[in-house]
Amino acid sequence: MAALKDKIKIALDESRMLVLGTQVLLGFQFRSAFEPAFDLLPRSSQYLKMIGLMILLAAICLIMAPGSYHRIVRAGNDAEDVHQFATTMMDVGLIPFLLVFAFDFYTAMGRVIGTTGGLIAGALVGITCLSFWYGFGWFSRSGKAHNHENRTAQRTPLKTKIDQALTEA
């Protein structure tokens, strides 16, 4: 079984990857309002793009929370609750991605194949994301008992704190 410091490092790395992906999607969401075809979209699709932007802004707050929690609550020390908080925030942070993907596929496909086709495409993307991001984990976890480790903080070496701080930044 991996050491706690390694599990926290991996969780922070995963958080960083999600932040980078969210930044790309945020760029697309911000840029979409300036595209010439944006004015040609139905008003409902324009509102969905705006709602998608707000949802992604909330998602980036959720995804960035583990680094702040680790620094502020535990002063950079490793504890099981830091790992649990990080994985929970990333689990919750994927839900906004799912919604925005579904909204964007509806908007794009609705313009090409009509509203009904857009709804079907958006629903299929949402269901696919849901099954891949949550379904496999749920099925693999259903037969296993959860192992609750010691929730007290451990003294973390300075080298590890520096490495984790750079990851969080």
N, C-alpha and C. Protein backbone atom coordinates (compact mmCIF):
# COMPACT_ATOMS: atom_id res chain seq x y z
N MET A 1 0.84 -1.18 0.00
CA MET A 1 0.00 0.00 0.00
C MET A 1 0.89 1.24 0.00
N ALA A 2 0.49 2.24 -0.73
CA ALA A 2 1.29 3.46 -0.88
C ALA A 2 1.32 4.24 0.42
N ALA A 3 2.44 4.92 0.64
CA ALA A 3 2.57 5.77 1.81
C ALA A 3 1.64 6.97 1.67
N LEU A 4 1.26 7.53 2.80
CA LEU A 4 0.33 8.65 2.81
C LEU A 4 0.87 9.83 2.00
N LYS A 5 2.17 10.11 2.13
CA LYS A 5 2.74 11.25 1.39
C LYS A 5 2.65 11.03 -0.11
N ASP A 6 2.80 9.77 -0.54
CA ASP A 6 2.69 9.46 -1.96
C ASP A 6 1.25 9.59 -2.45
N LYS A 7 0.29 9.16 -1.62
CA LYS A 7 -1.11 9.28 -2.00
C LYS A 7 -1.52 10.75 -2.11
N ILE A 8 -1.03 11.57 -1.19
CA ILE A 8 -1.36 13.00 -1.25
C ILE A 8 -0.69 13.64 -2.46
N LYS A 9 0.54 13.28 -2.75
CA LYS A 9 1.24 13.81 -3.92
C LYS A 9 0.48 13.46 -5.20
N ILE A 10 0.03 12.23 -5.31
CA ILE A 10 -0.73 11.81 -6.49
C ILE A 10 -2.05 12.57 -6.58
N ALA A 11 -2.73 12.74 -5.45
CA ALA A 11 -4.00 13.48 -5.45
C ALA A 11 -3.78 14.93 -5.88
N LEU A 12 -2.70 15.54 -5.40
CA LEU A 12 -2.41 16.92 -5.79
C LEU A 12 -2.03 17.02 -7.27
N ASP A 13 -1.31 16.01 -7.77
CA ASP A 13 -0.98 15.98 -9.20
C ASP A 13 -2.24 15.85 -10.05
N GLU A 14 -3.17 14.99 -9.61
CA GLU A 14 -4.43 14.84 -10.33
C GLU A 14 -5.23 16.13 -10.30
N SER A 15 -5.21 16.80 -9.18
CA SER A 15 -5.90 18.09 -9.07
C SER A 15 -5.29 19.09 -10.04
N ARG A 16 -3.99 19.10 -10.13
CA ARG A 16 -3.30 20.02 -11.05
C ARG A 16 -3.68 19.72 -12.50
N MET A 17 -3.76 18.44 -12.86
CA MET A 17 -4.15 18.09 -14.23
C MET A 17 -5.58 18.55 -14.52
N LEU A 18 -6.46 18.39 -13.55
CA LEU A 18 -7.83 18.84 -13.75
C LEU A 18 -7.91 20.36 -13.87
N VAL A 19 -7.08 21.07 -13.12
CA VAL A 19 -7.05 22.53 -13.23
C VAL A 19 -6.60 22.93 -14.63
N LEU A 20 -5.58 22.27 -15.16
CA LEU A 20 -5.12 22.60 -16.51
C LEU A 20 -6.21 22.33 -17.55
N GLY A 21 -6.90 21.20 -17.42
CA GLY A 21 -7.99 20.91 -18.34
C GLY A 21 -9.13 21.91 -18.22
N THR A 22 -9.43 22.32 -17.00
CA THR A 22 -10.48 23.30 -16.78
C THR A 22 -10.10 24.65 -17.38
N GLN A 23 -8.83 25.01 -17.29
CA GLN A 23 -8.38 26.27 -17.88
C GLN A 23 -8.59 26.27 -19.39
N VAL A 24 -8.33 25.15 -20.03
CA VAL A 24 -8.54 25.05 -21.47
C VAL A 24 -10.02 25.21 -21.79
N LEU A 25 -10.86 24.49 -21.05
CA LEU A 25 -12.30 24.59 -21.29
C LEU A 25 -12.83 25.99 -20.99
N LEU A 26 -12.30 26.62 -19.95
CA LEU A 26 -12.70 28.00 -19.65
C LEU A 26 -12.34 28.93 -20.81
N GLY A 27 -11.17 28.72 -21.38
CA GLY A 27 -10.76 29.52 -22.53
C GLY A 27 -11.74 29.37 -23.68
N PHE A 28 -12.16 28.13 -23.95
CA PHE A 28 -13.15 27.89 -25.01
C PHE A 28 -14.48 28.56 -24.69
N GLN A 29 -14.90 28.46 -23.43
CA GLN A 29 -16.18 29.05 -23.03
C GLN A 29 -16.13 30.58 -23.17
N PHE A 30 -15.04 31.19 -22.72
CA PHE A 30 -14.92 32.65 -22.84
C PHE A 30 -14.86 33.06 -24.32
N ARG A 31 -14.14 32.28 -25.12
CA ARG A 31 -13.95 32.62 -26.53
C ARG A 31 -15.23 32.48 -27.34
N SER A 32 -16.10 31.56 -26.94
CA SER A 32 -17.28 31.26 -27.76
C SER A 32 -18.18 32.48 -27.96
N ALA A 33 -18.25 33.38 -27.01
CA ALA A 33 -19.11 34.56 -27.15
C ALA A 33 -18.59 35.51 -28.23
N PHE A 34 -17.32 35.40 -28.58
CA PHE A 34 -16.73 36.29 -29.58
C PHE A 34 -16.70 35.69 -30.98
N GLU A 35 -17.17 34.48 -31.11
CA GLU A 35 -17.22 33.83 -32.42
C GLU A 35 -18.37 34.41 -33.24
N PRO A 36 -18.18 34.53 -34.57
CA PRO A 36 -19.25 35.10 -35.41
C PRO A 36 -20.55 34.30 -35.37
N ALA A 37 -20.46 32.99 -35.24
CA ALA A 37 -21.66 32.15 -35.26
C ALA A 37 -22.43 32.20 -33.94
N PHE A 38 -21.85 32.80 -32.90
CA PHE A 38 -22.54 32.85 -31.61
C PHE A 38 -23.86 33.60 -31.74
N ASP A 39 -23.88 34.66 -32.54
CA ASP A 39 -25.12 35.43 -32.74
C ASP A 39 -26.19 34.63 -33.47
N LEU A 40 -25.78 33.61 -34.20
CA LEU A 40 -26.73 32.80 -34.95
C LEU A 40 -27.37 31.70 -34.09
N LEU A 41 -26.80 31.45 -32.91
CA LEU A 41 -27.36 30.43 -32.03
C LEU A 41 -28.69 30.91 -31.46
N PRO A 42 -29.58 29.98 -31.16
CA PRO A 42 -30.81 30.38 -30.47
C PRO A 42 -30.47 30.98 -29.10
N ARG A 43 -31.34 31.83 -28.62
CA ARG A 43 -31.10 32.50 -27.34
C ARG A 43 -30.88 31.48 -26.21
N SER A 44 -31.62 30.37 -26.24
CA SER A 44 -31.45 29.35 -25.21
C SER A 44 -30.04 28.75 -25.22
N SER A 45 -29.49 28.55 -26.40
CA SER A 45 -28.12 28.01 -26.50
C SER A 45 -27.10 29.04 -26.02
N GLN A 46 -27.35 30.30 -26.29
CA GLN A 46 -26.45 31.35 -25.79
C GLN A 46 -26.47 31.36 -24.26
N TYR A 47 -27.66 31.22 -23.69
CA TYR A 47 -27.75 31.17 -22.22
C TYR A 47 -27.06 29.93 -21.67
N LEU A 48 -27.19 28.80 -22.38
CA LEU A 48 -26.50 27.59 -21.93
C LEU A 48 -24.99 27.77 -21.94
N LYS A 49 -24.47 28.48 -22.93
CA LYS A 49 -23.03 28.75 -22.96
C LYS A 49 -22.62 29.61 -21.75
N MET A 50 -23.45 30.60 -21.41
CA MET A 50 -23.16 31.44 -20.26
C MET A 50 -23.24 30.63 -18.95
N ILE A 51 -24.26 29.78 -18.85
CA ILE A 51 -24.40 28.93 -17.67
C ILE A 51 -23.22 27.96 -17.59
N GLY A 52 -22.79 27.42 -18.74
CA GLY A 52 -21.62 26.54 -18.76
C GLY A 52 -20.37 27.24 -18.26
N LEU A 53 -20.21 28.51 -18.61
CA LEU A 53 -19.07 29.28 -18.11
C LEU A 53 -19.12 29.42 -16.60
N MET A 54 -20.28 29.73 -16.07
CA MET A 54 -20.41 29.86 -14.61
C MET A 54 -20.16 28.52 -13.91
N ILE A 55 -20.65 27.45 -14.52
CA ILE A 55 -20.43 26.12 -13.94
C ILE A 55 -18.94 25.78 -13.93
N LEU A 56 -18.23 26.09 -15.00
CA LEU A 56 -16.78 25.82 -15.04
C LEU A 56 -16.02 26.66 -14.02
N LEU A 57 -16.48 27.89 -13.80
CA LEU A 57 -15.83 28.71 -12.77
C LEU A 57 -16.02 28.09 -11.39
N ALA A 58 -17.20 27.54 -11.14
CA ALA A 58 -17.43 26.84 -9.86
C ALA A 58 -16.58 25.57 -9.80
N ALA A 59 -16.44 24.88 -10.93
CA ALA A 59 -15.65 23.65 -10.95
C ALA A 59 -14.19 23.93 -10.64
N ILE A 60 -13.65 25.01 -11.18
CA ILE A 60 -12.23 25.29 -10.91
C ILE A 60 -12.02 25.64 -9.44
N CYS A 61 -13.01 26.24 -8.81
CA CYS A 61 -12.91 26.50 -7.37
C CYS A 61 -12.86 25.19 -6.59
N LEU A 62 -13.70 24.24 -6.97
CA LEU A 62 -13.70 22.94 -6.30
C LEU A 62 -12.38 22.21 -6.50
N ILE A 63 -11.88 22.26 -7.71
CA ILE A 63 -10.67 21.50 -8.04
C ILE A 63 -9.42 22.12 -7.42
N MET A 64 -9.43 23.43 -7.21
CA MET A 64 -8.28 24.09 -6.60
C MET A 64 -8.31 24.01 -5.07
N ALA A 65 -9.42 23.61 -4.50
CA ALA A 65 -9.57 23.57 -3.04
C ALA A 65 -8.60 22.63 -2.32
N PRO A 66 -8.25 21.46 -2.86
CA PRO A 66 -7.36 20.57 -2.11
C PRO A 66 -6.01 21.19 -1.74
N GLY A 67 -5.42 21.94 -2.66
CA GLY A 67 -4.14 22.58 -2.35
C GLY A 67 -4.27 23.58 -1.22
N SER A 68 -5.33 24.37 -1.26
CA SER A 68 -5.55 25.35 -0.19
C SER A 68 -5.82 24.65 1.13
N TYR A 69 -6.62 23.60 1.09
CA TYR A 69 -6.92 22.85 2.32
C TYR A 69 -5.64 22.29 2.93
N HIS A 70 -4.80 21.72 2.10
CA HIS A 70 -3.55 21.14 2.58
C HIS A 70 -2.66 22.20 3.22
N ARG A 71 -2.59 23.37 2.59
CA ARG A 71 -1.74 24.45 3.11
C ARG A 71 -2.33 25.08 4.36
N ILE A 72 -3.62 25.39 4.34
CA ILE A 72 -4.23 26.18 5.41
C ILE A 72 -4.58 25.31 6.61
N VAL A 73 -5.28 24.20 6.39
CA VAL A 73 -5.77 23.39 7.50
C VAL A 73 -4.65 22.58 8.14
N ARG A 74 -3.81 21.97 7.34
CA ARG A 74 -2.77 21.08 7.88
C ARG A 74 -1.36 21.68 7.80
N ALA A 75 -1.24 22.93 7.40
CA ALA A 75 0.06 23.62 7.31
C ALA A 75 1.07 22.82 6.49
N GLY A 76 0.59 22.13 5.47
CA GLY A 76 1.46 21.36 4.59
C GLY A 76 1.81 19.99 5.12
N ASN A 77 1.33 19.62 6.29
CA ASN A 77 1.60 18.29 6.83
C ASN A 77 0.62 17.29 6.24
N ASP A 78 1.08 16.04 6.13
CA ASP A 78 0.25 15.00 5.55
C ASP A 78 -0.70 14.44 6.60
N ALA A 79 -1.93 14.24 6.19
CA ALA A 79 -2.95 13.61 7.04
C ALA A 79 -3.95 12.93 6.11
N GLU A 80 -4.58 11.90 6.62
CA GLU A 80 -5.55 11.16 5.81
C GLU A 80 -6.71 12.04 5.38
N ASP A 81 -7.10 13.02 6.22
CA ASP A 81 -8.21 13.88 5.83
C ASP A 81 -7.86 14.77 4.64
N VAL A 82 -6.59 15.08 4.45
CA VAL A 82 -6.17 15.85 3.28
C VAL A 82 -6.41 15.02 2.01
N HIS A 83 -6.01 13.76 2.06
CA HIS A 83 -6.23 12.87 0.92
C HIS A 83 -7.72 12.67 0.66
N GLN A 84 -8.48 12.47 1.72
CA GLN A 84 -9.93 12.28 1.58
C GLN A 84 -10.59 13.53 1.01
N PHE A 85 -10.20 14.70 1.50
CA PHE A 85 -10.76 15.95 1.00
C PHE A 85 -10.42 16.15 -0.48
N ALA A 86 -9.18 15.86 -0.84
CA ALA A 86 -8.76 16.04 -2.24
C ALA A 86 -9.54 15.13 -3.17
N THR A 87 -9.69 13.86 -2.80
CA THR A 87 -10.42 12.95 -3.68
C THR A 87 -11.91 13.29 -3.74
N THR A 88 -12.47 13.73 -2.62
CA THR A 88 -13.87 14.13 -2.62
C THR A 88 -14.10 15.35 -3.50
N MET A 89 -13.23 16.35 -3.39
CA MET A 89 -13.38 17.56 -4.20
C MET A 89 -13.24 17.26 -5.69
N MET A 90 -12.33 16.36 -6.02
CA MET A 90 -12.17 16.01 -7.44
C MET A 90 -13.35 15.18 -7.94
N ASP A 91 -13.90 14.32 -7.07
CA ASP A 91 -15.10 13.58 -7.45
C ASP A 91 -16.26 14.53 -7.71
N VAL A 92 -16.46 15.49 -6.84
CA VAL A 92 -17.53 16.46 -6.99
C VAL A 92 -17.23 17.40 -8.16
N GLY A 93 -15.96 17.73 -8.35
CA GLY A 93 -15.56 18.66 -9.41
C GLY A 93 -15.76 18.12 -10.81
N LEU A 94 -15.88 16.80 -10.97
CA LEU A 94 -16.12 16.24 -12.29
C LEU A 94 -17.57 16.40 -12.74
N ILE A 95 -18.48 16.58 -11.80
CA ILE A 95 -19.90 16.76 -12.16
C ILE A 95 -20.10 18.01 -13.01
N PRO A 96 -19.49 19.16 -12.66
CA PRO A 96 -19.63 20.31 -13.55
C PRO A 96 -19.07 20.07 -14.94
N PHE A 97 -17.95 19.33 -15.05
CA PHE A 97 -17.42 18.99 -16.37
C PHE A 97 -18.48 18.24 -17.18
N LEU A 98 -19.09 17.26 -16.55
CA LEU A 98 -20.10 16.45 -17.20
C LEU A 98 -21.23 17.34 -17.74
N LEU A 99 -21.70 18.26 -16.91
CA LEU A 99 -22.79 19.14 -17.34
C LEU A 99 -22.37 20.02 -18.51
N VAL A 100 -21.17 20.59 -18.42
CA VAL A 100 -20.72 21.49 -19.49
C VAL A 100 -20.49 20.73 -20.79
N PHE A 101 -19.93 19.52 -20.70
CA PHE A 101 -19.78 18.71 -21.91
C PHE A 101 -21.14 18.46 -22.56
N ALA A 102 -22.11 18.08 -21.74
CA ALA A 102 -23.45 17.80 -22.27
C ALA A 102 -24.06 19.06 -22.89
N PHE A 103 -23.93 20.20 -22.21
CA PHE A 103 -24.45 21.46 -22.75
C PHE A 103 -23.79 21.82 -24.07
N ASP A 104 -22.47 21.69 -24.12
CA ASP A 104 -21.74 22.06 -25.33
C ASP A 104 -22.07 21.14 -26.50
N PHE A 105 -22.22 19.84 -26.23
CA PHE A 105 -22.60 18.94 -27.31
C PHE A 105 -24.02 19.23 -27.78
N TYR A 106 -24.91 19.54 -26.86
CA TYR A 106 -26.26 19.94 -27.26
C TYR A 106 -26.20 21.18 -28.16
N THR A 107 -25.44 22.18 -27.74
CA THR A 107 -25.35 23.42 -28.51
C THR A 107 -24.77 23.18 -29.90
N ALA A 108 -23.68 22.43 -29.98
CA ALA A 108 -23.02 22.19 -31.26
C ALA A 108 -23.86 21.30 -32.17
N MET A 109 -24.35 20.20 -31.63
CA MET A 109 -25.11 19.26 -32.46
C MET A 109 -26.50 19.80 -32.77
N GLY A 110 -27.06 20.57 -31.86
CA GLY A 110 -28.37 21.16 -32.11
C GLY A 110 -28.35 22.09 -33.30
N ARG A 111 -27.24 22.76 -33.48
CA ARG A 111 -27.10 23.68 -34.63
C ARG A 111 -26.97 22.90 -35.93
N VAL A 112 -26.36 21.71 -35.88
CA VAL A 112 -26.12 20.92 -37.08
C VAL A 112 -27.31 20.01 -37.42
N ILE A 113 -27.81 19.26 -36.43
CA ILE A 113 -28.84 18.25 -36.72
C ILE A 113 -30.18 18.54 -36.07
N GLY A 114 -30.33 19.69 -35.46
CA GLY A 114 -31.61 20.05 -34.87
C GLY A 114 -31.65 19.86 -33.37
N THR A 115 -32.69 20.41 -32.77
CA THR A 115 -32.81 20.40 -31.32
C THR A 115 -32.90 18.99 -30.75
N THR A 116 -33.70 18.14 -31.36
CA THR A 116 -33.85 16.76 -30.86
C THR A 116 -32.53 16.01 -30.95
N GLY A 117 -31.85 16.13 -32.07
CA GLY A 117 -30.54 15.49 -32.22
C GLY A 117 -29.53 16.04 -31.22
N GLY A 118 -29.60 17.34 -30.97
CA GLY A 118 -28.71 17.95 -29.98
C GLY A 118 -28.98 17.43 -28.58
N LEU A 119 -30.27 17.29 -28.25
CA LEU A 119 -30.61 16.74 -26.93
C LEU A 119 -30.11 15.31 -26.78
N ILE A 120 -30.28 14.52 -27.83
CA ILE A 120 -29.81 13.14 -27.78
C ILE A 120 -28.29 13.09 -27.66
N ALA A 121 -27.60 13.90 -28.44
CA ALA A 121 -26.13 13.93 -28.39
C ALA A 121 -25.65 14.39 -27.02
N GLY A 122 -26.26 15.44 -26.48
CA GLY A 122 -25.88 15.92 -25.15
C GLY A 122 -26.13 14.88 -24.07
N ALA A 123 -27.28 14.19 -24.16
CA ALA A 123 -27.59 13.15 -23.17
C ALA A 123 -26.61 11.98 -23.29
N LEU A 124 -26.27 11.59 -24.51
CA LEU A 124 -25.32 10.48 -24.69
C LEU A 124 -23.94 10.83 -24.14
N VAL A 125 -23.50 12.06 -24.37
CA VAL A 125 -22.20 12.48 -23.83
C VAL A 125 -22.26 12.50 -22.31
N GLY A 126 -23.34 13.01 -21.75
CA GLY A 126 -23.49 13.04 -20.29
C GLY A 126 -23.48 11.64 -19.69
N ILE A 127 -24.23 10.74 -20.31
CA ILE A 127 -24.28 9.36 -19.81
C ILE A 127 -22.93 8.67 -19.95
N THR A 128 -22.25 8.91 -21.06
CA THR A 128 -20.92 8.32 -21.26
C THR A 128 -19.94 8.82 -20.22
N CYS A 129 -19.92 10.13 -19.99
CA CYS A 129 -19.03 10.69 -18.96
C CYS A 129 -19.36 10.12 -17.60
N LEU A 130 -20.64 10.05 -17.28
CA LEU A 130 -21.07 9.52 -15.99
C LEU A 130 -20.62 8.08 -15.80
N SER A 131 -20.79 7.27 -16.84
CA SER A 131 -20.42 5.86 -16.71
C SER A 131 -18.91 5.66 -16.61
N PHE A 132 -18.13 6.42 -17.40
CA PHE A 132 -16.68 6.24 -17.35
C PHE A 132 -16.08 6.85 -16.10
N TRP A 133 -16.54 8.03 -15.70
CA TRP A 133 -15.93 8.72 -14.57
C TRP A 133 -16.39 8.19 -13.22
N TYR A 134 -17.62 7.74 -13.13
CA TYR A 134 -18.15 7.30 -11.84
C TYR A 134 -18.53 5.82 -11.83
N GLY A 135 -19.00 5.29 -12.94
CA GLY A 135 -19.50 3.92 -12.98
C GLY A 135 -18.45 2.88 -12.67
N PHE A 136 -17.29 2.98 -13.33
CA PHE A 136 -16.24 1.99 -13.09
C PHE A 136 -15.76 2.00 -11.65
N GLY A 137 -15.59 3.19 -11.08
CA GLY A 137 -15.18 3.29 -9.68
C GLY A 137 -16.22 2.75 -8.74
N TRP A 138 -17.47 3.00 -9.04
CA TRP A 138 -18.54 2.52 -8.18
C TRP A 138 -18.61 1.00 -8.20
N PHE A 139 -18.49 0.41 -9.41
CA PHE A 139 -18.52 -1.05 -9.50
C PHE A 139 -17.31 -1.70 -8.85
N SER A 140 -16.14 -1.11 -9.00
CA SER A 140 -14.94 -1.72 -8.41
C SER A 140 -14.92 -1.55 -6.89
N ARG A 141 -15.57 -0.53 -6.39
CA ARG A 141 -15.58 -0.28 -4.95
C ARG A 141 -16.70 -1.02 -4.24
N SER A 142 -17.73 -1.45 -4.96
CA SER A 142 -18.92 -2.02 -4.33
C SER A 142 -18.63 -3.29 -3.53
N GLY A 143 -17.67 -4.10 -3.94
CA GLY A 143 -17.39 -5.35 -3.24
C GLY A 143 -16.32 -5.25 -2.18
N LYS A 144 -15.68 -4.10 -2.05
CA LYS A 144 -14.56 -3.97 -1.12
C LYS A 144 -14.97 -3.19 0.11
N ALA A 145 -14.42 -3.58 1.24
CA ALA A 145 -14.64 -2.82 2.48
C ALA A 145 -13.71 -1.62 2.47
N HIS A 146 -14.18 -0.52 3.02
CA HIS A 146 -13.36 0.68 3.08
C HIS A 146 -12.40 0.59 4.25
N ASN A 147 -11.16 0.92 4.01
CA ASN A 147 -10.12 0.89 5.03
C ASN A 147 -9.94 2.29 5.58
N HIS A 148 -10.25 2.47 6.85
CA HIS A 148 -10.09 3.77 7.48
C HIS A 148 -8.77 3.78 8.24
N GLU A 149 -7.86 4.62 7.76
CA GLU A 149 -6.55 4.71 8.39
C GLU A 149 -6.59 5.77 9.48
N ASN A 150 -5.49 5.90 10.16
CA ASN A 150 -5.35 6.89 11.22
C ASN A 150 -5.53 8.29 10.62
N ARG A 151 -6.39 9.09 11.22
CA ARG A 151 -6.70 10.41 10.68
C ARG A 151 -5.84 11.51 11.32
N THR A 152 -4.87 11.15 12.11
CA THR A 152 -4.02 12.17 12.71
C THR A 152 -2.95 12.60 11.73
N ALA A 153 -2.51 13.82 11.89
CA ALA A 153 -1.48 14.37 11.00
C ALA A 153 -0.13 13.74 11.30
N GLN A 154 0.66 13.59 10.25
CA GLN A 154 2.02 13.09 10.39
C GLN A 154 2.97 14.22 10.08
N ARG A 155 4.08 14.22 10.75
CA ARG A 155 5.11 15.22 10.47
C ARG A 155 5.66 14.94 9.08
N THR A 156 5.60 15.93 8.21
CA THR A 156 6.04 15.77 6.84
C THR A 156 7.43 16.39 6.68
N PRO A 157 8.36 15.65 6.05
CA PRO A 157 9.69 16.21 5.83
C PRO A 157 9.64 17.47 4.96
N LEU A 158 10.61 18.36 5.17
CA LEU A 158 10.64 19.62 4.45
C LEU A 158 10.71 19.42 2.94
N LYS A 159 11.51 18.46 2.49
CA LYS A 159 11.63 18.20 1.05
C LYS A 159 10.27 17.83 0.46
N THR A 160 9.51 17.01 1.15
CA THR A 160 8.19 16.62 0.67
C THR A 160 7.23 17.82 0.68
N LYS A 161 7.32 18.66 1.72
CA LYS A 161 6.47 19.86 1.78
C LYS A 161 6.76 20.79 0.61
N ILE A 162 8.03 20.95 0.29
CA ILE A 162 8.41 21.82 -0.84
C ILE A 162 7.86 21.26 -2.15
N ASP A 163 8.03 19.94 -2.34
CA ASP A 163 7.54 19.28 -3.54
C ASP A 163 6.02 19.44 -3.66
N GLN A 164 5.30 19.24 -2.55
CA GLN A 164 3.84 19.38 -2.59
C GLN A 164 3.42 20.83 -2.79
N ALA A 165 4.15 21.77 -2.21
CA ALA A 165 3.82 23.19 -2.41
C ALA A 165 3.99 23.59 -3.87
N LEU A 166 5.01 23.07 -4.52
CA LEU A 166 5.20 23.36 -5.95
C LEU A 166 4.08 22.75 -6.78
N THR A 167 3.63 21.56 -6.39
CA THR A 167 2.51 20.95 -7.08
C THR A 167 1.24 21.77 -6.90
N GLU A 168 1.00 22.24 -5.68
CA GLU A 168 -0.20 23.02 -5.39
C GLU A 168 -0.19 24.37 -6.10
N ALA A 169 1.00 24.93 -6.29
CA ALA A 169 1.09 26.23 -6.96
C ALA A 169 0.74 26.08 -8.41
